[in-house]
């Protein structure tokens, strides 16, 4: 398995193919950035790299600001709750983060919000009562 640094480097240099990069890989990449950088710097680097990746793959329309930021901060919170956990331990303690369709963001967002063009372009705060 790649180290956090190797994963970030390969992602940022385009060595990872879009076809094989799934939701679980996004979670792993967010974990890597959060393990290496302070949270706001990590978010900036992560979202910039995702936008570049989507654009280079000819799929810039797939980048979703609200989903990216919301998952990122849920991952950050979970990392703080299992402080010191490596990737394998973190992943096994947080299986709900790997559910894409019907996943954790459904607890916080109305479906229409996440499907909106506005939420795709701009981070929208959660709009659903838990």
Protein backbone atom coordinates (compact mmCIF):
# COMPACT_ATOMS: atom_id res chain seq x y z
CA UNK A 1 0.00 0.00 0.00
CA UNK A 2 1.21 3.50 -0.81
CA UNK A 3 2.16 5.95 1.90
CA UNK A 4 0.19 9.18 2.25
CA UNK A 5 3.01 11.08 0.55
CA UNK A 6 3.21 8.62 -2.36
CA UNK A 7 -0.55 8.72 -2.88
CA UNK A 8 -0.63 12.53 -2.92
CA UNK A 9 2.35 12.70 -5.29
CA UNK A 10 0.89 10.16 -7.70
CA UNK A 11 -2.49 11.88 -7.65
CA UNK A 12 -1.06 15.37 -8.17
CA UNK A 13 1.23 14.25 -11.00
CA UNK A 14 -1.56 12.47 -12.86
CA UNK A 15 -0.15 8.98 -12.37
CA UNK A 16 -3.53 7.70 -11.16
CA UNK A 17 -6.11 6.92 -13.84
CA UNK A 18 -9.60 8.37 -13.54
CA UNK A 19 -11.29 5.08 -14.44
CA UNK A 20 -10.04 3.35 -11.32
CA UNK A 21 -10.49 6.26 -8.93
CA UNK A 22 -13.67 5.59 -6.95
CA UNK A 23 -15.36 7.02 -3.86
CA UNK A 24 -13.23 4.95 -1.47
CA UNK A 25 -10.14 6.36 -3.18
CA UNK A 26 -11.41 9.91 -2.56
CA UNK A 27 -11.80 9.07 1.14
CA UNK A 28 -8.27 7.62 1.22
CA UNK A 29 -6.86 10.70 -0.52
CA UNK A 30 -8.63 13.08 1.91
CA UNK A 31 -7.16 11.06 4.79
CA UNK A 32 -3.69 11.41 3.22
CA UNK A 33 -3.97 15.19 2.84
CA UNK A 34 -5.34 15.57 6.37
CA UNK A 35 -2.51 13.44 7.73
CA UNK A 36 0.09 15.61 6.05
CA UNK A 37 -1.19 19.22 6.19
CA UNK A 38 -3.13 21.52 8.53
CA UNK A 39 -6.85 21.21 7.85
CA UNK A 40 -7.46 24.34 5.73
CA UNK A 41 -4.29 23.86 3.71
CA UNK A 42 -5.25 20.21 3.24
CA UNK A 43 -8.72 21.19 2.01
CA UNK A 44 -7.27 23.69 -0.46
CA UNK A 45 -4.73 21.19 -1.81
CA UNK A 46 -7.30 18.37 -1.93
CA UNK A 47 -10.00 20.34 -3.74
CA UNK A 48 -7.49 21.93 -6.15
CA UNK A 49 -6.07 18.49 -6.99
CA UNK A 50 -9.56 17.03 -7.49
CA UNK A 51 -10.56 19.87 -9.84
CA UNK A 52 -7.35 19.41 -11.83
CA UNK A 53 -7.88 15.64 -11.93
CA UNK A 54 -11.47 16.00 -13.14
CA UNK A 55 -10.47 18.55 -15.76
CA UNK A 56 -7.56 16.46 -17.05
CA UNK A 57 -9.98 13.54 -17.40
CA UNK A 58 -12.38 15.69 -19.40
CA UNK A 59 -14.94 15.48 -16.59
CA UNK A 60 -14.70 18.84 -14.85
CA UNK A 61 -18.49 18.80 -14.41
CA UNK A 62 -18.12 15.93 -11.92
CA UNK A 63 -16.39 18.05 -9.28
CA UNK A 64 -18.92 18.89 -6.55
CA UNK A 65 -17.89 21.54 -4.02
CA UNK A 66 -20.46 20.69 -1.34
CA UNK A 67 -19.87 16.95 -1.44
CA UNK A 68 -16.10 17.45 -1.45
CA UNK A 69 -16.06 19.83 1.49
CA UNK A 70 -18.69 18.01 3.54
CA UNK A 71 -16.99 14.61 3.23
CA UNK A 72 -13.64 16.24 3.92
CA UNK A 73 -14.80 17.69 7.23
CA UNK A 74 -16.59 14.49 8.26
CA UNK A 75 -13.34 12.63 7.60
CA UNK A 76 -11.43 15.25 9.62
CA UNK A 77 -13.81 14.85 12.56
CA UNK A 78 -13.53 11.07 12.43
CA UNK A 79 -9.74 11.28 12.34
CA UNK A 80 -9.80 13.43 15.48
CA UNK A 81 -12.05 10.87 17.18
CA UNK A 82 -9.61 8.05 16.38
CA UNK A 83 -6.47 10.04 16.91
CA UNK A 84 -3.32 8.27 15.85
CA UNK A 85 -5.10 5.61 13.79
CA UNK A 86 -3.36 4.58 10.60
CA UNK A 87 -5.32 4.21 7.37
CA UNK A 88 -6.29 0.55 7.88
CA UNK A 89 -7.55 1.16 11.41
CA UNK A 90 -9.35 4.34 10.38
CA UNK A 91 -11.05 2.59 7.47
CA UNK A 92 -12.18 -0.36 9.59
CA UNK A 93 -13.56 1.97 12.28
CA UNK A 94 -15.52 4.09 9.77
CA UNK A 95 -17.19 1.83 7.21
CA UNK A 96 -20.06 4.29 6.71
CA UNK A 97 -17.66 6.73 5.00
CA UNK A 98 -17.29 4.27 2.12
CA UNK A 99 -20.97 4.12 1.22
CA UNK A 100 -21.48 6.37 -1.78
CA UNK A 101 -25.13 6.11 -2.82
CA UNK A 102 -27.31 6.71 0.23
CA UNK A 103 -24.24 7.49 2.28
CA UNK A 104 -23.55 9.67 5.28
CA UNK A 105 -24.30 13.00 3.58
CA UNK A 106 -27.95 11.98 3.34
CA UNK A 107 -28.09 12.51 7.10
CA UNK A 108 -27.16 16.16 6.65
CA UNK A 109 -28.48 17.24 3.24
CA UNK A 110 -31.74 17.12 1.39
CA UNK A 111 -31.43 15.23 -1.88
CA UNK A 112 -32.48 18.27 -3.92
CA UNK A 113 -29.73 20.33 -2.34
CA UNK A 114 -26.97 17.91 -3.32
CA UNK A 115 -28.38 17.65 -6.85
CA UNK A 116 -28.44 21.41 -7.34
CA UNK A 117 -26.03 23.23 -9.61
CA UNK A 118 -25.48 25.77 -6.85
CA UNK A 119 -24.23 23.09 -4.40
CA UNK A 120 -21.97 21.75 -7.13
CA UNK A 121 -20.26 25.15 -7.48
CA UNK A 122 -20.41 26.53 -3.91
CA UNK A 123 -20.18 24.84 -0.53
CA UNK A 124 -23.66 24.74 1.00
CA UNK A 125 -24.12 24.18 4.73
CA UNK A 126 -26.20 21.15 5.77
CA UNK A 127 -29.91 21.80 5.43
CA UNK A 128 -31.44 18.73 7.03
CA UNK A 129 -32.23 18.27 10.71
CA UNK A 130 -30.74 15.11 12.16
